[in-house]
C-alpha atoms as a PDB file:
ATOM      1  CA  MET A   1       0.000   0.000   0.000  1.00  0.00           C
ATOM      2  CA  ASN A   2       1.283   3.467  -0.880  1.00  0.00           C
ATOM      3  CA  ARG A   3       1.704   5.802   2.106  1.00  0.00           C
ATOM      4  CA  TYR A   4       0.526   8.898   0.240  1.00  0.00           C
ATOM      5  CA  ARG A   5      -2.240   7.356  -1.861  1.00  0.00           C
ATOM      6  CA  LYS A   6      -0.775   8.882  -5.010  1.00  0.00           C
ATOM      7  CA  GLY A   7      -3.574   7.362  -7.072  1.00  0.00           C
ATOM      8  CA  THR A   8      -6.210   9.756  -5.738  1.00  0.00           C
ATOM      9  CA  PRO A   9      -6.429  13.497  -6.452  1.00  0.00           C
ATOM     10  CA  GLU A  10      -6.130  14.171  -2.714  1.00  0.00           C
ATOM     11  CA  GLY A  11      -3.115  11.874  -2.408  1.00  0.00           C
ATOM     12  CA  ARG A  12      -1.336  13.530  -5.331  1.00  0.00           C
ATOM     13  CA  LEU A  13      -1.964  16.976  -3.849  1.00  0.00           C
ATOM     14  CA  LYS A  14      -0.639  15.876  -0.429  1.00  0.00           C
ATOM     15  CA  LEU A  15       2.529  14.607  -2.021  1.00  0.00           C
ATOM     16  CA  GLN A  16       2.963  17.804  -4.069  1.00  0.00           C
ATOM     17  CA  ILE A  17       2.518  19.947  -0.943  1.00  0.00           C
ATOM     18  CA  LEU A  18       4.937  17.848   1.109  1.00  0.00           C
ATOM     19  CA  ARG A  19       7.595  18.008  -1.605  1.00  0.00           C
ATOM     20  CA  TYR A  20       7.190  21.790  -1.816  1.00  0.00           C
ATOM     21  CA  LEU A  21       7.484  22.243   1.953  1.00  0.00           C
ATOM     22  CA  LYS A  22      10.559  20.001   2.149  1.00  0.00           C
ATOM     23  CA  ALA A  23      12.168  21.942  -0.736  1.00  0.00           C
ATOM     24  CA  LEU A  24      11.656  25.158   1.251  1.00  0.00           C
ATOM     25  CA  GLY A  25      13.445  23.564   4.178  1.00  0.00           C
ATOM     26  CA  ALA A  26      10.362  23.366   6.368  1.00  0.00           C
ATOM     27  CA  ALA A  27       9.900  20.604   8.901  1.00  0.00           C
ATOM     28  CA  ALA A  28       6.761  18.978   7.550  1.00  0.00           C
ATOM     29  CA  GLY A  29       5.110  15.597   7.548  1.00  0.00           C
ATOM     30  CA  LYS A  30       1.886  13.744   7.060  1.00  0.00           C
ATOM     31  CA  THR A  31      -0.110  12.931  10.168  1.00  0.00           C
ATOM     32  CA  ASN A  32      -1.729   9.552  10.674  1.00  0.00           C
ATOM     33  CA  THR A  33      -5.420  10.257  10.989  1.00  0.00           C
ATOM     34  CA  MET A  34      -6.582   7.000   9.457  1.00  0.00           C
ATOM     35  CA  ALA A  35      -7.455   3.693  11.033  1.00  0.00           C
ATOM     36  CA  VAL A  36      -4.691   1.435  12.285  1.00  0.00           C
ATOM     37  CA  LYS A  37      -4.358  -2.257  11.530  1.00  0.00           C
ATOM     38  CA  ARG A  38      -4.582  -4.582  14.494  1.00  0.00           C
ATOM     39  CA  GLY A  39      -4.052  -8.095  13.278  1.00  0.00           C
ATOM     40  CA  LYS A  40      -6.317  -8.542  10.268  1.00  0.00           C
ATOM     41  CA  VAL A  41      -8.747  -5.821  11.292  1.00  0.00           C
ATOM     42  CA  TYR A  42      -8.621  -2.042  10.775  1.00  0.00           C
ATOM     43  CA  CYS A  43      -9.959   0.048  13.621  1.00  0.00           C
ATOM     44  CA  PHE A  44      -9.799   3.651  14.738  1.00  0.00           C
ATOM     45  CA  ASP A  45      -7.340   4.484  17.476  1.00  0.00           C
ATOM     46  CA  PRO A  46      -9.355   6.066  20.316  1.00  0.00           C
ATOM     47  CA  TYR A  47      -6.422   8.379  21.119  1.00  0.00           C
ATOM     48  CA  ILE A  48      -6.204  10.052  17.709  1.00  0.00           C
ATOM     49  CA  PHE A  49      -7.220  13.718  17.820  1.00  0.00           C
ATOM     50  CA  ARG A  50     -10.405  13.759  15.752  1.00  0.00           C
ATOM     51  CA  GLY A  51     -10.315  16.433  13.057  1.00  0.00           C
ATOM     52  CA  HIS A  52      -6.515  16.733  13.057  1.00  0.00           C
ATOM     53  CA  PRO A  53      -5.337  17.950   9.620  1.00  0.00           C
ATOM     54  CA  ASP A  54      -3.400  15.842   7.112  1.00  0.00           C
ATOM     55  CA  ILE A  55      -0.109  17.767   7.226  1.00  0.00           C
ATOM     56  CA  LEU A  56       1.781  19.460  10.045  1.00  0.00           C
ATOM     57  CA  CYS A  57       4.438  22.011   9.097  1.00  0.00           C
ATOM     58  CA  PHE A  58       6.887  24.135  11.097  1.00  0.00           C
ATOM     59  CA  TRP A  59       8.229  27.052   9.066  1.00  0.00           C
ATOM     60  CA  LYS A  60       9.678  30.421  10.078  1.00  0.00           C
ATOM     61  CA  GLU A  61       8.500  30.362  13.709  1.00  0.00           C
ATOM     62  CA  ARG A  62       4.985  29.387  12.717  1.00  0.00           C
ATOM     63  CA  ILE A  63       2.950  26.218  12.728  1.00  0.00           C
ATOM     64  CA  TYR A  64       0.822  25.337   9.722  1.00  0.00           C
ATOM     65  CA  TYR A  65      -1.908  22.733   9.843  1.00  0.00           C
ATOM     66  CA  ILE A  66      -2.916  21.771   6.336  1.00  0.00           C
ATOM     67  CA  GLU A  67      -6.110  19.889   5.566  1.00  0.00           C
ATOM     68  CA  VAL A  68      -6.077  18.559   2.011  1.00  0.00           C
ATOM     69  CA  LYS A  69      -9.354  17.978   0.190  1.00  0.00           C
ATOM     70  CA  SER A  70     -10.292  16.803  -3.263  1.00  0.00           C
ATOM     71  CA  PRO A  71     -12.172  19.370  -5.377  1.00  0.00           C
ATOM     72  CA  LYS A  72     -15.530  18.014  -4.164  1.00  0.00           C
ATOM     73  CA  GLY A  73     -14.395  17.215  -0.618  1.00  0.00           C
ATOM     74  CA  LYS A  74     -15.725  18.943   2.470  1.00  0.00           C
ATOM     75  CA  GLN A  75     -14.634  19.199   6.068  1.00  0.00           C
ATOM     76  CA  THR A  76     -16.111  17.049   8.802  1.00  0.00           C
ATOM     77  CA  PRO A  77     -17.557  18.809  11.858  1.00  0.00           C
ATOM     78  CA  GLU A  78     -14.426  17.761  13.797  1.00  0.00           C
ATOM     79  CA  GLN A  79     -12.189  19.356  11.145  1.00  0.00           C
ATOM     80  CA  GLU A  80     -14.205  22.566  11.292  1.00  0.00           C
ATOM     81  CA  SER A  81     -13.792  22.601  15.089  1.00  0.00           C
ATOM     82  CA  PHE A  82     -10.035  22.158  14.730  1.00  0.00           C
ATOM     83  CA  GLN A  83      -9.923  25.058  12.258  1.00  0.00           C
ATOM     84  CA  LEU A  84     -11.814  27.230  14.744  1.00  0.00           C
ATOM     85  CA  LEU A  85      -9.351  26.269  17.483  1.00  0.00           C
ATOM     86  CA  CYS A  86      -6.432  27.345  15.261  1.00  0.00           C
ATOM     87  CA  SER A  87      -8.102  30.672  14.465  1.00  0.00           C
ATOM     88  CA  GLN A  88      -7.936  31.592  18.145  1.00  0.00           C
ATOM     89  CA  ILE A  89      -4.117  31.904  18.001  1.00  0.00           C
ATOM     90  CA  PRO A  90      -3.530  33.447  14.546  1.00  0.00           C
ATOM     91  CA  ASP A  91      -0.073  34.918  15.223  1.00  0.00           C
ATOM     92  CA  TYR A  92       1.604  31.523  15.427  1.00  0.00           C
ATOM     93  CA  VAL A  93      -0.803  28.911  14.142  1.00  0.00           C
ATOM     94  CA  HIS A  94      -2.246  28.891  10.649  1.00  0.00           C
ATOM     95  CA  TYR A  95      -4.854  26.512   9.270  1.00  0.00           C
ATOM     96  CA  ILE A  96      -4.900  25.968   5.527  1.00  0.00           C
ATOM     97  CA  LEU A  97      -7.772  24.238   3.784  1.00  0.00           C
ATOM     98  CA  ALA A  98      -6.144  23.159   0.524  1.00  0.00           C
ATOM     99  CA  TYR A  99      -8.210  22.232  -2.497  1.00  0.00           C
ATOM    100  CA  GLU A 100      -5.270  22.996  -4.807  1.00  0.00           C
ATOM    101  CA  PHE A 101      -1.539  23.644  -4.513  1.00  0.00           C
ATOM    102  CA  GLY A 102      -1.983  27.424  -4.771  1.00  0.00           C
ATOM    103  CA  ASP A 103      -3.970  27.467  -1.517  1.00  0.00           C
ATOM    104  CA  VAL A 104      -0.814  26.445   0.348  1.00  0.00           C
ATOM    105  CA  GLU A 105       1.648  28.461  -1.713  1.00  0.00           C
ATOM    106  CA  ARG A 106      -0.275  31.719  -1.141  1.00  0.00           C
ATOM    107  CA  VAL A 107      -0.206  31.346   2.655  1.00  0.00           C
ATOM    108  CA  ILE A 108       3.343  29.996   3.053  1.00  0.00           C
ATOM    109  CA  LYS A 109       4.963  32.689   0.881  1.00  0.00           C
END
């Protein structure tokens, strides 16, 4: 199984964003918000922060949480709550809802 799900539009965009951030020299990585495999069964880890974005990035004394969506994708209520939480500390924490590469590039630059 491919870690970044390159076969989907969302997976390709995640990979493009991660490559861009790494090229800038940012500390960035994909977060594991999916189910975990226990034996032959997939189940959700009860300790995962629900609504946590797909990518976490540290760049120039700021933290960027990046939620990547396909063109028709929409946020879950938990993701919207996480975005609201981030908006309460805007000087250091930025939440990016990325439907395309330009959404990230505009905020990071």
